């Protein structure tokens, strides 16, 4: 090959451009999720929603210890203690082939799951297009228990003294 002759590598750049268009439809590891803390008052009304990002480990798992720390850190809002009532995981794990089916009939798919135990939570790989929608919703309910103990002491007054009636035996 002489210096004047060059390799035609334009086909590689064409493939890379075409691949870039479809890059949004390849599955990727979920490395970050949105956390939503939803606070419900005693009248069953949502009165505050807090949103934050959370990094997951390399295998797309939110570890149990980290989840417990997040729950403890966020159980108090507005100087009121709340109790955990629900943890909901939203994980869109459609493959590129399933997108058309989902658009035609979305009722066949359910991406929301309820977690009944506080344990590690795994997210499945998601298409890059839907990766930002993966989330965890933590619902807290206002705890009605007073932290101050109010025990009222009751005093019973006994005005009449009780006497035993004794009967005299008659002889």
Protein backbone atom coordinates (compact mmCIF):
# COMPACT_ATOMS: atom_id res chain seq x y z
CA UNK A 1 0.00 0.00 0.00
CA UNK A 2 1.37 3.37 -0.89
CA UNK A 3 1.14 6.60 1.06
CA UNK A 4 -1.36 7.98 -1.43
CA UNK A 5 -3.80 5.18 -0.83
CA UNK A 6 -5.93 5.50 2.31
CA UNK A 7 -8.27 3.01 3.87
CA UNK A 8 -11.92 3.84 3.52
CA UNK A 9 -13.19 3.83 7.09
CA UNK A 10 -16.24 5.99 6.46
CA UNK A 11 -18.46 2.92 6.78
CA UNK A 12 -17.39 2.60 10.43
CA UNK A 13 -18.47 6.13 11.25
CA UNK A 14 -21.79 5.50 9.45
CA UNK A 15 -22.40 2.43 11.63
CA UNK A 16 -21.48 4.37 14.78
CA UNK A 17 -23.96 7.12 13.88
CA UNK A 18 -26.69 4.60 13.20
CA UNK A 19 -25.86 2.76 16.42
CA UNK A 20 -26.08 6.01 18.37
CA UNK A 21 -29.71 6.39 17.32
CA UNK A 22 -30.61 2.96 18.72
CA UNK A 23 -28.41 3.30 21.81
CA UNK A 24 -31.39 4.38 23.90
CA UNK A 25 -32.94 0.94 23.41
CA UNK A 26 -30.13 -1.15 24.89
CA UNK A 27 -30.44 -2.37 28.46
CA UNK A 28 -28.10 -0.86 31.01
CA UNK A 29 -27.40 -1.47 34.66
CA UNK A 30 -29.47 0.73 36.95
CA UNK A 31 -26.91 2.64 38.99
CA UNK A 32 -29.09 5.41 40.41
CA UNK A 33 -32.76 5.75 41.38
CA UNK A 34 -35.11 8.46 42.59
CA UNK A 35 -36.36 8.15 46.16
CA UNK A 36 -39.74 9.65 47.02
CA UNK A 37 -40.70 10.08 50.67
CA UNK A 38 -44.44 10.62 50.91
CA UNK A 39 -45.80 11.94 54.21
CA UNK A 40 -49.47 11.36 55.03
CA UNK A 41 -51.17 13.15 57.94
CA UNK A 42 -53.75 11.72 60.35
CA UNK A 43 -56.53 12.89 58.01
CA UNK A 44 -55.15 10.59 55.25
CA UNK A 45 -53.99 13.55 53.15
CA UNK A 46 -50.55 13.73 51.55
CA UNK A 47 -49.02 16.87 52.97
CA UNK A 48 -45.40 16.63 51.83
CA UNK A 49 -43.30 14.78 49.24
CA UNK A 50 -39.53 14.77 49.47
CA UNK A 51 -37.44 13.68 46.48
CA UNK A 52 -33.76 12.69 46.35
CA UNK A 53 -31.38 10.62 44.25
CA UNK A 54 -29.82 7.45 45.59
CA UNK A 55 -26.81 5.55 44.23
CA UNK A 56 -27.06 1.78 43.99
CA UNK A 57 -24.18 -0.64 44.21
CA UNK A 58 -22.60 -2.24 41.12
CA UNK A 59 -25.21 -4.98 40.93
CA UNK A 60 -28.19 -2.56 41.02
CA UNK A 61 -29.04 -3.34 44.65
CA UNK A 62 -30.10 -1.02 47.45
CA UNK A 63 -28.58 -2.72 50.48
CA UNK A 64 -30.71 -3.41 53.56
CA UNK A 65 -28.45 -1.35 55.85
CA UNK A 66 -28.62 1.66 53.55
CA UNK A 67 -32.41 1.35 53.32
CA UNK A 68 -32.71 1.23 57.12
CA UNK A 69 -30.52 4.33 57.42
CA UNK A 70 -32.68 6.18 54.86
CA UNK A 71 -35.85 5.20 56.71
CA UNK A 72 -34.48 6.28 60.11
CA UNK A 73 -33.16 9.55 58.69
CA UNK A 74 -36.49 10.47 57.08
CA UNK A 75 -39.08 9.16 59.55
CA UNK A 76 -39.29 12.60 61.18
CA UNK A 77 -40.68 15.54 59.29
CA UNK A 78 -41.88 18.86 60.68
CA UNK A 79 -40.95 17.70 64.21
CA UNK A 80 -43.47 14.88 63.90
CA UNK A 81 -42.57 11.23 63.96
CA UNK A 82 -44.01 9.05 61.21
CA UNK A 83 -44.33 5.32 60.88
CA UNK A 84 -43.57 3.41 57.73
CA UNK A 85 -46.67 2.00 56.05
CA UNK A 86 -45.44 1.03 52.58
CA UNK A 87 -42.41 0.64 50.32
CA UNK A 88 -43.14 0.59 46.59
CA UNK A 89 -40.54 -0.23 43.94
CA UNK A 90 -41.06 1.08 40.42
CA UNK A 91 -38.81 -0.74 37.92
CA UNK A 92 -39.40 -0.49 34.18
CA UNK A 93 -37.52 -3.48 32.83
CA UNK A 94 -38.92 -3.69 29.31
CA UNK A 95 -36.70 -5.05 26.58
CA UNK A 96 -36.50 -3.31 23.21
CA UNK A 97 -38.70 -6.05 21.72
CA UNK A 98 -41.45 -5.50 24.31
CA UNK A 99 -41.86 -1.75 23.75
CA UNK A 100 -44.26 -2.22 20.84
CA UNK A 101 -46.38 -4.66 22.91
CA UNK A 102 -46.40 -2.20 25.81
CA UNK A 103 -47.58 0.65 23.56
CA UNK A 104 -50.41 -1.50 22.21
CA UNK A 105 -51.56 -2.96 25.54
CA UNK A 106 -50.01 -1.46 28.66
CA UNK A 107 -52.36 -3.40 30.97
CA UNK A 108 -50.30 -6.57 30.43
CA UNK A 109 -47.32 -4.99 32.21
CA UNK A 110 -46.91 -4.15 35.87
CA UNK A 111 -43.78 -2.34 36.96
CA UNK A 112 -44.86 -1.47 40.50
CA UNK A 113 -44.20 -3.93 43.31
CA UNK A 114 -44.86 -3.70 47.03
CA UNK A 115 -42.12 -4.67 49.44
CA UNK A 116 -43.44 -6.34 52.58
CA UNK A 117 -40.10 -6.66 54.36
CA UNK A 118 -37.20 -4.34 54.90
CA UNK A 119 -34.57 -6.17 52.89
CA UNK A 120 -32.25 -5.46 50.00
CA UNK A 121 -34.02 -4.33 46.85
CA UNK A 122 -32.75 -5.22 43.38
CA UNK A 123 -33.51 -3.30 40.20
CA UNK A 124 -33.46 -5.14 36.89
CA UNK A 125 -31.55 -3.68 33.97
CA UNK A 126 -33.49 -1.02 32.10
CA UNK A 127 -33.44 0.54 28.69
CA UNK A 128 -31.55 3.83 28.86
CA UNK A 129 -34.71 5.64 27.77
CA UNK A 130 -36.60 4.45 30.90
CA UNK A 131 -33.71 4.33 33.36
CA UNK A 132 -34.54 7.71 34.93
CA UNK A 133 -38.07 6.57 35.79
CA UNK A 134 -36.97 3.74 38.10
CA UNK A 135 -37.76 4.77 41.66
CA UNK A 136 -38.57 3.80 45.22
CA UNK A 137 -41.61 5.29 46.95
CA UNK A 138 -41.60 5.26 50.74
CA UNK A 139 -44.89 6.17 52.39
CA UNK A 140 -44.92 7.40 55.98
CA UNK A 141 -48.02 7.93 58.12
CA UNK A 142 -48.19 10.45 60.94
CA UNK A 143 -47.74 8.63 64.24
CA UNK A 144 -50.59 9.53 66.58
CA UNK A 145 -48.83 8.32 69.71
CA UNK A 146 -47.79 11.09 72.04
CA UNK A 147 -44.19 10.94 73.09
CA UNK A 148 -45.18 12.53 76.41
CA UNK A 149 -46.93 10.14 78.76
CA UNK A 150 -50.04 11.68 80.28
CA UNK A 151 -51.28 9.33 82.96
CA UNK A 152 -53.92 10.92 85.08
CA UNK A 153 -53.96 9.83 88.67
CA UNK A 154 -57.39 9.24 90.12
CA UNK A 155 -58.01 9.67 93.84
CA UNK A 156 -60.90 7.86 95.43
CA UNK A 157 -62.34 9.59 98.45
CA UNK A 158 -64.00 7.48 101.03
CA UNK A 159 -66.15 9.74 103.20
CA UNK A 160 -67.84 6.99 105.13
CA UNK A 161 -65.72 4.72 107.12
CA UNK A 162 -66.72 1.19 106.78
CA UNK A 163 -67.52 -0.57 109.97
CA UNK A 164 -68.34 -4.10 110.46
CA UNK A 165 -71.62 -4.70 112.04
CA UNK A 166 -71.26 -6.93 114.90
CA UNK A 167 -74.18 -8.80 116.24
CA UNK A 168 -74.47 -9.39 119.81
CA UNK A 169 -75.51 -12.75 120.70
CA UNK A 170 -78.40 -12.78 123.02
CA UNK A 171 -78.37 -15.29 125.72
